[in-house]
Amino acid sequence: MREIMVLAEHRMGEMRDITHEMLAKGRELAEAQGDILVAMLLGSGVEGFAEELAPFADRVLVVESPELENFNSEAYQEVLKLVIRERKPRITLIGHTSYGIDLAPALAIDIGAPLASDCIDLMIEDGGVRVTRQIYGGKINVEAILKEAEHHIVTVRPATFEPGEPGPRGNIERLEPPATLGPGRKAFLDYVEPPPGEVDISEAEIIVSIGRGIKDEKNLPLITGLADALKGEVGCSRPIVDKYWLPKERQVGSSGKTVRPKLYLAAGISGSFQHVMGMKASGFIVAINKDPKAPIFRIADYGVVDDLFKVVPALTQKINELRQSGG
């Protein structure tokens, strides 16, 4: 019996969503192979995180050290290479985030493991690892089989998998940090917050997105008004960014942000494959489009076939009235 290992990612006192998404996929892989699912937790003073992860993994491995208080790819690599060499897990899943992009390639080279990055799916077949990735800006999905090896590393695109439900509490096992762990070439200095006005829409619970249907930049206040009424954020498809009507950080899709809000309202968005890949995992999808054959309706939970210039103002007004009346 071998292990499927998931590297837990946390930042500023919060466990990142990508951790639970990878644990859900890791559970699927582990059950299919009869393996053990292990959550690997590095940090300092992370007892609370260990308890949070225990119901989602068979085992939580914890390494604590002042050198691990904040993410440092050099320190993480020093710990992980020793743990992987000793425990020989079948595969290690790491989030394709700023952390994973920094850590995974160097770790893979250090331990001589095949690496697949930014994957949207993976499975284990006959002891090998088959991954699905996107190329040409998300236009094509390709499958690749990693070369045979004792261990593989895969980075997973955020918001690709649904988080799983808690199960029986796994064991928490504490490991000693390596004696070689200490100040290195890299040092954590500070978190740099986004400038005022910028927002990470991947963290938003409600997103109102707009596409070509808005027709003109002067019509954008229509959408921002609805987003404000819903207490959500504004997103968009690629054509809006290409026209410089909204900044790149607002773009949803395979070449933008991948999001999973509780509510995603798409107004005037046709629903190209590239856009859908970035929002299909949303909790509830509402589409407004005057074209009844628009692809967006294939994935929408609720669709309105009408002109957004009629529907959006009416919807905004009704929401504001309900809020004012306490509804």
C-alpha atoms as a PDB file:
ATOM      1  CA  MET A   1       0.000   0.000   0.000  1.00  0.00           C
ATOM      2  CA  ARG A   2       1.446   3.349  -1.070  1.00  0.00           C
ATOM      3  CA  GLU A   3       0.587   6.979  -0.410  1.00  0.00           C
ATOM      4  CA  ILE A   4      -0.990   9.804  -2.379  1.00  0.00           C
ATOM      5  CA  MET A   5       0.450  12.996  -0.918  1.00  0.00           C
ATOM      6  CA  VAL A   6      -1.155  16.449  -1.048  1.00  0.00           C
ATOM      7  CA  LEU A   7       0.830  19.540  -0.054  1.00  0.00           C
ATOM      8  CA  ALA A   8      -1.419  21.764   2.050  1.00  0.00           C
ATOM      9  CA  GLU A   9      -1.246  25.442   1.126  1.00  0.00           C
ATOM     10  CA  HIS A  10      -2.002  28.124   3.678  1.00  0.00           C
ATOM     11  CA  ARG A  11      -1.433  31.848   3.768  1.00  0.00           C
ATOM     12  CA  MET A  12      -1.858  34.545   6.408  1.00  0.00           C
ATOM     13  CA  GLY A  13      -3.671  32.259   8.835  1.00  0.00           C
ATOM     14  CA  GLU A  14      -6.049  30.685   6.324  1.00  0.00           C
ATOM     15  CA  MET A  15      -6.071  27.342   4.553  1.00  0.00           C
ATOM     16  CA  ARG A  16      -6.360  27.908   0.806  1.00  0.00           C
ATOM     17  CA  ASP A  17      -9.253  26.369  -1.131  1.00  0.00           C
ATOM     18  CA  ILE A  18      -6.853  24.572  -3.469  1.00  0.00           C
ATOM     19  CA  THR A  19      -5.867  22.297  -0.560  1.00  0.00           C
ATOM     20  CA  HIS A  20      -9.361  20.847  -0.147  1.00  0.00           C
ATOM     21  CA  GLU A  21      -9.774  20.606  -3.912  1.00  0.00           C
ATOM     22  CA  MET A  22      -6.597  18.526  -4.199  1.00  0.00           C
ATOM     23  CA  LEU A  23      -7.570  16.383  -1.205  1.00  0.00           C
ATOM     24  CA  ALA A  24     -10.857  15.524  -2.953  1.00  0.00           C
ATOM     25  CA  LYS A  25      -8.990  14.405  -6.080  1.00  0.00           C
ATOM     26  CA  GLY A  26      -6.378  12.685  -3.940  1.00  0.00           C
ATOM     27  CA  ARG A  27      -9.118  10.735  -2.173  1.00  0.00           C
ATOM     28  CA  GLU A  28     -10.456   9.577  -5.541  1.00  0.00           C
ATOM     29  CA  LEU A  29      -6.995   8.422  -6.622  1.00  0.00           C
ATOM     30  CA  ALA A  30      -6.233   6.746  -3.306  1.00  0.00           C
ATOM     31  CA  GLU A  31      -9.491   4.786  -3.243  1.00  0.00           C
ATOM     32  CA  ALA A  32      -9.008   3.618  -6.826  1.00  0.00           C
ATOM     33  CA  GLN A  33      -5.525   2.289  -6.020  1.00  0.00           C
ATOM     34  CA  GLY A  34      -6.108   1.130  -2.456  1.00  0.00           C
ATOM     35  CA  ASP A  35      -3.601   3.756  -1.311  1.00  0.00           C
ATOM     36  CA  ILE A  36      -3.435   6.025   1.742  1.00  0.00           C
ATOM     37  CA  LEU A  37      -4.240   9.726   1.367  1.00  0.00           C
ATOM     38  CA  VAL A  38      -1.708  11.934   3.163  1.00  0.00           C
ATOM     39  CA  ALA A  39      -1.898  15.675   3.736  1.00  0.00           C
ATOM     40  CA  MET A  40       1.574  17.230   4.089  1.00  0.00           C
ATOM     41  CA  LEU A  41       1.482  20.325   6.308  1.00  0.00           C
ATOM     42  CA  LEU A  42       4.497  22.604   6.747  1.00  0.00           C
ATOM     43  CA  GLY A  43       4.552  25.686   8.945  1.00  0.00           C
ATOM     44  CA  SER A  44       4.894  27.011  12.474  1.00  0.00           C
ATOM     45  CA  GLY A  45       2.079  26.920  15.006  1.00  0.00           C
ATOM     46  CA  VAL A  46      -0.188  25.015  12.603  1.00  0.00           C
ATOM     47  CA  GLU A  47      -1.987  22.732  15.070  1.00  0.00           C
ATOM     48  CA  GLY A  48      -5.327  24.268  14.036  1.00  0.00           C
ATOM     49  CA  PHE A  49      -4.642  23.499  10.385  1.00  0.00           C
ATOM     50  CA  ALA A  50      -3.746  19.911  11.242  1.00  0.00           C
ATOM     51  CA  GLU A  51      -7.091  19.457  13.007  1.00  0.00           C
ATOM     52  CA  GLU A  52      -8.883  21.035  10.037  1.00  0.00           C
ATOM     53  CA  LEU A  53      -7.240  18.624   7.589  1.00  0.00           C
ATOM     54  CA  ALA A  54      -7.629  15.457   9.674  1.00  0.00           C
ATOM     55  CA  PRO A  55     -11.236  14.676   8.541  1.00  0.00           C
ATOM     56  CA  PHE A  56     -10.169  14.908   4.888  1.00  0.00           C
ATOM     57  CA  ALA A  57      -7.094  12.651   4.895  1.00  0.00           C
ATOM     58  CA  ASP A  58      -6.078   9.276   6.286  1.00  0.00           C
ATOM     59  CA  ARG A  59      -2.966  10.842   7.738  1.00  0.00           C
ATOM     60  CA  VAL A  60      -1.711  14.389   8.301  1.00  0.00           C
ATOM     61  CA  LEU A  61       2.061  14.764   8.378  1.00  0.00           C
ATOM     62  CA  VAL A  62       3.174  17.921  10.174  1.00  0.00           C
ATOM     63  CA  VAL A  63       6.615  19.501  10.064  1.00  0.00           C
ATOM     64  CA  GLU A  64       6.976  22.631  12.178  1.00  0.00           C
ATOM     65  CA  SER A  65       9.892  25.027  12.293  1.00  0.00           C
ATOM     66  CA  PRO A  66      10.387  28.809  12.535  1.00  0.00           C
ATOM     67  CA  GLU A  67      11.942  28.526   9.063  1.00  0.00           C
ATOM     68  CA  LEU A  68       8.553  27.327   7.752  1.00  0.00           C
ATOM     69  CA  GLU A  69       6.396  30.017   9.330  1.00  0.00           C
ATOM     70  CA  ASN A  70       5.931  31.628   5.909  1.00  0.00           C
ATOM     71  CA  PHE A  71       6.206  29.972   2.534  1.00  0.00           C
ATOM     72  CA  ASN A  72       9.752  29.734   1.249  1.00  0.00           C
ATOM     73  CA  SER A  73      10.273  27.411  -1.714  1.00  0.00           C
ATOM     74  CA  GLU A  74      13.850  26.705  -0.688  1.00  0.00           C
ATOM     75  CA  ALA A  75      12.851  25.583   2.825  1.00  0.00           C
ATOM     76  CA  TYR A  76       9.821  23.637   1.579  1.00  0.00           C
ATOM     77  CA  GLN A  77      11.989  21.857  -0.967  1.00  0.00           C
ATOM     78  CA  GLU A  78      14.498  20.851   1.715  1.00  0.00           C
ATOM     79  CA  VAL A  79      11.747  19.245   3.803  1.00  0.00           C
ATOM     80  CA  LEU A  80       9.767  17.650   0.991  1.00  0.00           C
ATOM     81  CA  LYS A  81      12.693  16.002  -0.768  1.00  0.00           C
ATOM     82  CA  LEU A  82      13.586  14.133   2.428  1.00  0.00           C
ATOM     83  CA  VAL A  83       9.991  13.147   3.197  1.00  0.00           C
ATOM     84  CA  ILE A  84       9.384  11.923  -0.365  1.00  0.00           C
ATOM     85  CA  ARG A  85      12.630   9.957  -0.491  1.00  0.00           C
ATOM     86  CA  GLU A  86      11.817   8.275   2.820  1.00  0.00           C
ATOM     87  CA  ARG A  87       8.103   7.579   2.338  1.00  0.00           C
ATOM     88  CA  LYS A  88       8.116   7.064  -1.437  1.00  0.00           C
ATOM     89  CA  PRO A  89       4.559   8.244  -2.160  1.00  0.00           C
ATOM     90  CA  ARG A  90       3.142   7.314  -5.536  1.00  0.00           C
ATOM     91  CA  ILE A  91       2.372  10.934  -6.408  1.00  0.00           C
ATOM     92  CA  THR A  92       2.513  14.389  -4.817  1.00  0.00           C
ATOM     93  CA  LEU A  93      -0.135  16.984  -5.673  1.00  0.00           C
ATOM     94  CA  ILE A  94       0.796  20.667  -5.377  1.00  0.00           C
ATOM     95  CA  GLY A  95      -1.396  23.633  -6.232  1.00  0.00           C
ATOM     96  CA  HIS A  96      -0.591  25.439  -9.481  1.00  0.00           C
ATOM     97  CA  THR A  97      -0.435  28.707  -7.573  1.00  0.00           C
ATOM     98  CA  SER A  98       2.363  31.200  -7.028  1.00  0.00           C
ATOM     99  CA  TYR A  99       3.625  28.774  -4.360  1.00  0.00           C
ATOM    100  CA  GLY A 100       3.507  25.686  -6.549  1.00  0.00           C
ATOM    101  CA  ILE A 101       4.951  27.387  -9.618  1.00  0.00           C
ATOM    102  CA  ASP A 102       7.955  28.405  -7.514  1.00  0.00           C
ATOM    103  CA  LEU A 103       8.378  25.101  -5.697  1.00  0.00           C
ATOM    104  CA  ALA A 104       7.409  22.180  -7.947  1.00  0.00           C
ATOM    105  CA  PRO A 105       9.977  22.441 -10.796  1.00  0.00           C
ATOM    106  CA  ALA A 106      12.975  22.715  -8.472  1.00  0.00           C
ATOM    107  CA  LEU A 107      11.656  19.905  -6.275  1.00  0.00           C
ATOM    108  CA  ALA A 108      11.103  17.650  -9.285  1.00  0.00           C
ATOM    109  CA  ILE A 109      14.667  18.220 -10.494  1.00  0.00           C
ATOM    110  CA  ASP A 110      16.063  17.682  -7.001  1.00  0.00           C
ATOM    111  CA  ILE A 111      14.453  14.255  -6.560  1.00  0.00           C
ATOM    112  CA  GLY A 112      14.517  13.278 -10.241  1.00  0.00           C
ATOM    113  CA  ALA A 113      10.731  12.978 -10.572  1.00  0.00           C
ATOM    114  CA  PRO A 114       8.609  13.592 -13.696  1.00  0.00           C
ATOM    115  CA  LEU A 115       6.537  16.777 -13.380  1.00  0.00           C
ATOM    116  CA  ALA A 116       3.243  17.767 -15.037  1.00  0.00           C
ATOM    117  CA  SER A 117       2.099  21.318 -14.392  1.00  0.00           C
ATOM    118  CA  ASP A 118      -1.242  23.156 -14.499  1.00  0.00           C
ATOM    119  CA  CYS A 119      -3.295  19.975 -14.839  1.00  0.00           C
ATOM    120  CA  ILE A 120      -7.089  19.942 -14.976  1.00  0.00           C
ATOM    121  CA  ASP A 121      -7.385  16.191 -14.449  1.00  0.00           C
ATOM    122  CA  LEU A 122      -5.262  13.160 -13.691  1.00  0.00           C
ATOM    123  CA  MET A 123      -5.607   9.439 -13.135  1.00  0.00           C
ATOM    124  CA  ILE A 124      -3.418   6.460 -12.375  1.00  0.00           C
ATOM    125  CA  GLU A 125      -3.421   3.674 -14.954  1.00  0.00           C
ATOM    126  CA  ASP A 126      -1.369   0.498 -14.675  1.00  0.00           C
ATOM    127  CA  GLY A 127       0.861   2.228 -12.179  1.00  0.00           C
ATOM    128  CA  GLY A 128       1.481   5.168 -14.521  1.00  0.00           C
ATOM    129  CA  VAL A 129       0.105   8.700 -14.333  1.00  0.00           C
ATOM    130  CA  ARG A 130      -2.087  10.127 -17.085  1.00  0.00           C
ATOM    131  CA  VAL A 131      -2.722  13.890 -16.934  1.00  0.00           C
ATOM    132  CA  THR A 132      -4.954  16.315 -18.832  1.00  0.00           C
ATOM    133  CA  ARG A 133      -3.665  19.777 -19.671  1.00  0.00           C
ATOM    134  CA  GLN A 134      -4.747  22.623 -21.934  1.00  0.00           C
ATOM    135  CA  ILE A 135      -2.777  24.101 -24.813  1.00  0.00           C
ATOM    136  CA  TYR A 136      -3.255  26.949 -27.299  1.00  0.00           C
ATOM    137  CA  GLY A 137      -4.875  29.206 -24.726  1.00  0.00           C
ATOM    138  CA  GLY A 138      -7.342  26.550 -23.604  1.00  0.00           C
ATOM    139  CA  LYS A 139      -8.594  25.700 -27.087  1.00  0.00           C
ATOM    140  CA  ILE A 140      -7.438  22.080 -26.876  1.00  0.00           C
ATOM    141  CA  ASN A 141      -7.277  19.525 -24.077  1.00  0.00           C
ATOM    142  CA  VAL A 142      -4.401  17.090 -24.357  1.00  0.00           C
ATOM    143  CA  GLU A 143      -3.667  13.928 -22.421  1.00  0.00           C
ATOM    144  CA  ALA A 144      -0.130  12.894 -21.596  1.00  0.00           C
ATOM    145  CA  ILE A 145       1.311   9.863 -19.858  1.00  0.00           C
ATOM    146  CA  LEU A 146       4.219  10.665 -17.579  1.00  0.00           C
ATOM    147  CA  LYS A 147       7.235   8.466 -17.961  1.00  0.00           C
ATOM    148  CA  GLU A 148       7.449   5.535 -15.582  1.00  0.00           C
ATOM    149  CA  ALA A 149       9.049   6.476 -12.278  1.00  0.00           C
ATOM    150  CA  GLU A 150       8.904   5.705  -8.593  1.00  0.00           C
ATOM    151  CA  HIS A 151       7.368   9.099  -7.862  1.00  0.00           C
ATOM    152  CA  HIS A 152       5.519  11.789  -9.823  1.00  0.00           C
ATOM    153  CA  ILE A 153       4.709  15.432  -9.094  1.00  0.00           C
ATOM    154  CA  VAL A 154       1.608  17.121 -10.495  1.00  0.00           C
ATOM    155  CA  THR A 155       0.515  20.729 -10.015  1.00  0.00           C
ATOM    156  CA  VAL A 156      -3.251  21.203 -10.097  1.00  0.00           C
ATOM    157  CA  ARG A 157      -5.110  24.212 -11.478  1.00  0.00           C
ATOM    158  CA  PRO A 158      -7.175  25.930  -8.756  1.00  0.00           C
ATOM    159  CA  ALA A 159     -10.986  25.612  -8.873  1.00  0.00           C
ATOM    160  CA  THR A 160     -10.764  22.488 -11.052  1.00  0.00           C
ATOM    161  CA  PHE A 161     -12.095  19.952  -8.547  1.00  0.00           C
ATOM    162  CA  GLU A 162     -14.958  20.172  -6.074  1.00  0.00           C
ATOM    163  CA  PRO A 163     -13.890  20.021  -2.402  1.00  0.00           C
ATOM    164  CA  GLY A 164     -14.901  16.776  -0.736  1.00  0.00           C
ATOM    165  CA  GLU A 165     -16.956  16.071   2.354  1.00  0.00           C
ATOM    166  CA  PRO A 166     -15.267  15.320   5.702  1.00  0.00           C
ATOM    167  CA  GLY A 167     -14.951  11.702   6.733  1.00  0.00           C
ATOM    168  CA  PRO A 168     -13.410   9.751   9.596  1.00  0.00           C
ATOM    169  CA  ARG A 169     -10.677  11.699  11.332  1.00  0.00           C
ATOM    170  CA  GLY A 170      -7.211  10.779  10.118  1.00  0.00           C
ATOM    171  CA  ASN A 171      -4.162  10.429  12.323  1.00  0.00           C
ATOM    172  CA  ILE A 172      -1.880  13.405  12.883  1.00  0.00           C
ATOM    173  CA  GLU A 173       1.812  12.504  12.781  1.00  0.00           C
ATOM    174  CA  ARG A 174       4.526  14.997  13.615  1.00  0.00           C
ATOM    175  CA  LEU A 175       7.890  14.770  11.884  1.00  0.00           C
ATOM    176  CA  GLU A 176      11.131  16.412  12.924  1.00  0.00           C
ATOM    177  CA  PRO A 177      12.418  19.103  10.563  1.00  0.00           C
ATOM    178  CA  PRO A 178      15.665  18.173   8.816  1.00  0.00           C
ATOM    179  CA  ALA A 179      18.839  19.198  10.578  1.00  0.00           C
ATOM    180  CA  THR A 180      19.932  20.962   7.399  1.00  0.00           C
ATOM    181  CA  LEU A 181      16.935  23.314   7.527  1.00  0.00           C
ATOM    182  CA  GLY A 182      18.085  26.853   8.207  1.00  0.00           C
ATOM    183  CA  PRO A 183      18.527  30.289   6.654  1.00  0.00           C
ATOM    184  CA  GLY A 184      19.206  29.919   2.944  1.00  0.00           C
ATOM    185  CA  ARG A 185      19.501  32.134  -0.085  1.00  0.00           C
ATOM    186  CA  LYS A 186      15.820  33.040   0.018  1.00  0.00           C
ATOM    187  CA  ALA A 187      14.077  34.874   2.843  1.00  0.00           C
ATOM    188  CA  PHE A 188      10.461  35.893   3.354  1.00  0.00           C
ATOM    189  CA  LEU A 189      10.130  39.659   3.638  1.00  0.00           C
ATOM    190  CA  ASP A 190       6.468  40.610   3.472  1.00  0.00           C
ATOM    191  CA  TYR A 191       3.168  40.036   1.729  1.00  0.00           C
ATOM    192  CA  VAL A 192       2.478  42.716  -0.848  1.00  0.00           C
ATOM    193  CA  GLU A 193      -1.227  43.495  -0.905  1.00  0.00           C
ATOM    194  CA  PRO A 194      -2.866  44.431  -4.231  1.00  0.00           C
ATOM    195  CA  PRO A 195      -3.028  48.182  -4.847  1.00  0.00           C
ATOM    196  CA  PRO A 196      -6.320  49.852  -3.849  1.00  0.00           C
ATOM    197  CA  GLY A 197      -9.012  49.102  -6.396  1.00  0.00           C
ATOM    198  CA  GLU A 198      -7.589  45.762  -7.473  1.00  0.00           C
ATOM    199  CA  VAL A 199      -9.416  42.589  -6.484  1.00  0.00           C
ATOM    200  CA  ASP A 200      -8.847  38.846  -6.717  1.00  0.00           C
ATOM    201  CA  ILE A 201     -12.113  37.675  -8.292  1.00  0.00           C
ATOM    202  CA  SER A 202     -11.116  34.051  -7.688  1.00  0.00           C
ATOM    203  CA  GLU A 203     -11.993  34.689  -4.035  1.00  0.00           C
ATOM    204  CA  ALA A 204     -15.391  36.302  -4.746  1.00  0.00           C
ATOM    205  CA  GLU A 205     -18.599  34.523  -3.719  1.00  0.00           C
ATOM    206  CA  ILE A 206     -20.710  36.411  -6.274  1.00  0.00           C
ATOM    207  CA  ILE A 207     -19.537  37.447  -9.742  1.00  0.00           C
ATOM    208  CA  VAL A 208     -21.449  39.346 -12.413  1.00  0.00           C
ATOM    209  CA  SER A 209     -19.636  38.914 -15.731  1.00  0.00           C
ATOM    210  CA  ILE A 210     -20.092  40.730 -18.987  1.00  0.00           C
ATOM    211  CA  GLY A 211     -19.144  39.928 -22.572  1.00  0.00           C
ATOM    212  CA  ARG A 212     -19.583  41.372 -26.048  1.00  0.00           C
ATOM    213  CA  GLY A 213     -23.269  41.939 -25.360  1.00  0.00           C
ATOM    214  CA  ILE A 214     -22.476  45.126 -23.408  1.00  0.00           C
ATOM    215  CA  LYS A 215     -21.689  46.686 -26.825  1.00  0.00           C
ATOM    216  CA  ASP A 216     -19.967  49.824 -25.515  1.00  0.00           C
ATOM    217  CA  GLU A 217     -17.737  50.796 -22.598  1.00  0.00           C
ATOM    218  CA  LYS A 218     -20.235  53.469 -21.563  1.00  0.00           C
ATOM    219  CA  ASN A 219     -22.706  50.688 -20.722  1.00  0.00           C
ATOM    220  CA  LEU A 220     -20.476  49.067 -18.098  1.00  0.00           C
ATOM    221  CA  PRO A 221     -22.157  50.934 -15.183  1.00  0.00           C
ATOM    222  CA  LEU A 222     -25.184  48.750 -15.910  1.00  0.00           C
ATOM    223  CA  ILE A 223     -23.172  45.712 -14.815  1.00  0.00           C
ATOM    224  CA  THR A 224     -21.349  47.365 -11.921  1.00  0.00           C
ATOM    225  CA  GLY A 225     -24.726  48.488 -10.605  1.00  0.00           C
ATOM    226  CA  LEU A 226     -26.003  44.913 -10.551  1.00  0.00           C
ATOM    227  CA  ALA A 227     -22.789  43.656  -8.962  1.00  0.00           C
ATOM    228  CA  ASP A 228     -23.060  46.328  -6.251  1.00  0.00           C
ATOM    229  CA  ALA A 229     -26.687  45.387  -5.593  1.00  0.00           C
ATOM    230  CA  LEU A 230     -25.657  41.737  -5.177  1.00  0.00           C
ATOM    231  CA  LYS A 231     -22.578  42.736  -3.158  1.00  0.00           C
ATOM    232  CA  GLY A 232     -20.460  40.897  -5.697  1.00  0.00           C
ATOM    233  CA  GLU A 233     -17.573  41.544  -8.058  1.00  0.00           C
ATOM    234  CA  VAL A 234     -17.478  42.297 -11.780  1.00  0.00           C
ATOM    235  CA  GLY A 235     -15.886  39.800 -14.156  1.00  0.00           C
ATOM    236  CA  CYS A 236     -15.668  39.660 -17.933  1.00  0.00           C
ATOM    237  CA  SER A 237     -14.781  37.595 -20.964  1.00  0.00           C
ATOM    238  CA  ARG A 238     -11.639  38.128 -23.008  1.00  0.00           C
ATOM    239  CA  PRO A 239     -13.063  40.579 -25.612  1.00  0.00           C
ATOM    240  CA  ILE A 240     -13.726  43.114 -22.863  1.00  0.00           C
ATOM    241  CA  VAL A 241     -10.110  42.979 -21.726  1.00  0.00           C
ATOM    242  CA  ASP A 242      -8.863  43.116 -25.315  1.00  0.00           C
ATOM    243  CA  LYS A 243     -10.761  46.379 -25.737  1.00  0.00           C
ATOM    244  CA  TYR A 244      -9.223  47.684 -22.482  1.00  0.00           C
ATOM    245  CA  TRP A 245     -12.660  48.259 -20.977  1.00  0.00           C
ATOM    246  CA  LEU A 246     -11.752  46.233 -17.878  1.00  0.00           C
ATOM    247  CA  PRO A 247      -8.347  45.182 -16.487  1.00  0.00           C
ATOM    248  CA  LYS A 248      -6.870  41.732 -17.017  1.00  0.00           C
ATOM    249  CA  GLU A 249      -7.443  40.725 -13.391  1.00  0.00           C
ATOM    250  CA  ARG A 250     -11.201  40.777 -14.093  1.00  0.00           C
ATOM    251  CA  GLN A 251     -11.007  38.242 -16.935  1.00  0.00           C
ATOM    252  CA  VAL A 252     -12.559  34.820 -16.391  1.00  0.00           C
ATOM    253  CA  GLY A 253     -11.471  31.920 -18.566  1.00  0.00           C
ATOM    254  CA  SER A 254      -8.627  29.638 -19.531  1.00  0.00           C
ATOM    255  CA  SER A 255      -6.394  32.647 -20.270  1.00  0.00           C
ATOM    256  CA  GLY A 256      -7.716  34.558 -17.246  1.00  0.00           C
ATOM    257  CA  LYS A 257      -8.866  33.576 -13.769  1.00  0.00           C
ATOM    258  CA  THR A 258     -10.504  30.296 -12.815  1.00  0.00           C
ATOM    259  CA  VAL A 259     -13.343  31.044 -10.398  1.00  0.00           C
ATOM    260  CA  ARG A 260     -15.834  29.111  -8.299  1.00  0.00           C
ATOM    261  CA  PRO A 261     -18.276  31.599  -6.757  1.00  0.00           C
ATOM    262  CA  LYS A 262     -21.553  30.601  -5.156  1.00  0.00           C
ATOM    263  CA  LEU A 263     -23.325  32.642  -7.862  1.00  0.00           C
ATOM    264  CA  TYR A 264     -22.041  33.409 -11.360  1.00  0.00           C
ATOM    265  CA  LEU A 265     -24.243  35.670 -13.457  1.00  0.00           C
ATOM    266  CA  ALA A 266     -23.184  35.871 -17.107  1.00  0.00           C
ATOM    267  CA  ALA A 267     -24.750  38.746 -19.029  1.00  0.00           C
ATOM    268  CA  GLY A 268     -24.167  39.059 -22.751  1.00  0.00           C
ATOM    269  CA  ILE A 269     -21.613  36.236 -22.753  1.00  0.00           C
ATOM    270  CA  SER A 270     -22.016  33.647 -25.501  1.00  0.00           C
ATOM    271  CA  GLY A 271     -20.136  30.975 -23.582  1.00  0.00           C
ATOM    272  CA  SER A 272     -17.049  30.070 -25.581  1.00  0.00           C
ATOM    273  CA  PHE A 273     -15.132  27.016 -24.466  1.00  0.00           C
ATOM    274  CA  GLN A 274     -12.293  29.174 -23.130  1.00  0.00           C
ATOM    275  CA  HIS A 275     -14.633  31.202 -20.910  1.00  0.00           C
ATOM    276  CA  VAL A 276     -16.598  28.193 -19.678  1.00  0.00           C
ATOM    277  CA  MET A 277     -13.390  26.468 -18.545  1.00  0.00           C
ATOM    278  CA  GLY A 278     -12.855  29.298 -16.084  1.00  0.00           C
ATOM    279  CA  MET A 279     -16.286  29.309 -14.438  1.00  0.00           C
ATOM    280  CA  LYS A 280     -18.046  25.973 -15.006  1.00  0.00           C
ATOM    281  CA  ALA A 281     -17.430  24.897 -11.400  1.00  0.00           C
ATOM    282  CA  SER A 282     -19.501  27.811 -10.028  1.00  0.00           C
ATOM    283  CA  GLY A 283     -22.163  26.877  -7.514  1.00  0.00           C
ATOM    284  CA  PHE A 284     -25.128  28.408  -9.402  1.00  0.00           C
ATOM    285  CA  ILE A 285     -24.931  29.842 -12.909  1.00  0.00           C
ATOM    286  CA  VAL A 286     -27.414  32.343 -14.325  1.00  0.00           C
ATOM    287  CA  ALA A 287     -27.146  33.375 -17.989  1.00  0.00           C
ATOM    288  CA  ILE A 288     -28.759  36.338 -19.728  1.00  0.00           C
ATOM    289  CA  ASN A 289     -28.489  36.330 -23.513  1.00  0.00           C
ATOM    290  CA  LYS A 290     -30.890  37.203 -26.300  1.00  0.00           C
ATOM    291  CA  ASP A 291     -29.602  34.317 -28.424  1.00  0.00           C
ATOM    292  CA  PRO A 292     -31.433  31.136 -27.345  1.00  0.00           C
ATOM    293  CA  LYS A 293     -28.696  29.030 -28.971  1.00  0.00           C
ATOM    294  CA  ALA A 294     -25.863  30.634 -27.014  1.00  0.00           C
ATOM    295  CA  PRO A 295     -23.555  27.887 -25.631  1.00  0.00           C
ATOM    296  CA  ILE A 296     -23.669  29.453 -22.164  1.00  0.00           C
ATOM    297  CA  PHE A 297     -27.191  28.039 -21.711  1.00  0.00           C
ATOM    298  CA  ARG A 298     -25.813  24.493 -21.875  1.00  0.00           C
ATOM    299  CA  ILE A 299     -24.194  24.874 -18.470  1.00  0.00           C
ATOM    300  CA  ALA A 300     -26.503  27.497 -16.912  1.00  0.00           C
ATOM    301  CA  ASP A 301     -28.746  26.469 -14.021  1.00  0.00           C
ATOM    302  CA  TYR A 302     -31.113  29.289 -14.964  1.00  0.00           C
ATOM    303  CA  GLY A 303     -31.312  31.086 -18.296  1.00  0.00           C
ATOM    304  CA  VAL A 304     -33.023  34.252 -19.436  1.00  0.00           C
ATOM    305  CA  VAL A 305     -33.456  34.627 -23.188  1.00  0.00           C
ATOM    306  CA  ASP A 306     -33.846  38.372 -23.484  1.00  0.00           C
ATOM    307  CA  ASP A 307     -32.008  41.644 -24.000  1.00  0.00           C
ATOM    308  CA  LEU A 308     -29.650  42.331 -21.093  1.00  0.00           C
ATOM    309  CA  PHE A 309     -30.437  46.054 -21.424  1.00  0.00           C
ATOM    310  CA  LYS A 310     -33.984  45.241 -20.310  1.00  0.00           C
ATOM    311  CA  VAL A 311     -33.274  42.466 -17.826  1.00  0.00           C
ATOM    312  CA  VAL A 312     -30.300  43.862 -15.903  1.00  0.00           C
ATOM    313  CA  PRO A 313     -31.862  47.226 -14.902  1.00  0.00           C
ATOM    314  CA  ALA A 314     -35.069  45.481 -13.811  1.00  0.00           C
ATOM    315  CA  LEU A 315     -33.117  42.894 -11.834  1.00  0.00           C
ATOM    316  CA  THR A 316     -30.954  45.551 -10.177  1.00  0.00           C
ATOM    317  CA  GLN A 317     -33.999  47.583  -9.204  1.00  0.00           C
ATOM    318  CA  LYS A 318     -35.768  44.564  -7.713  1.00  0.00           C
ATOM    319  CA  ILE A 319     -32.718  43.507  -5.687  1.00  0.00           C
ATOM    320  CA  ASN A 320     -32.296  47.034  -4.317  1.00  0.00           C
ATOM    321  CA  GLU A 321     -35.967  47.172  -3.371  1.00  0.00           C
ATOM    322  CA  LEU A 322     -35.704  43.860  -1.533  1.00  0.00           C
ATOM    323  CA  ARG A 323     -32.623  45.034   0.339  1.00  0.00           C
ATOM    324  CA  GLN A 324     -34.281  48.287   1.356  1.00  0.00           C
ATOM    325  CA  SER A 325     -37.335  46.415   2.628  1.00  0.00           C
ATOM    326  CA  GLY A 326     -35.157  43.951   4.501  1.00  0.00           C
ATOM    327  CA  GLY A 327     -36.055  41.075   2.163  1.00  0.00           C
END
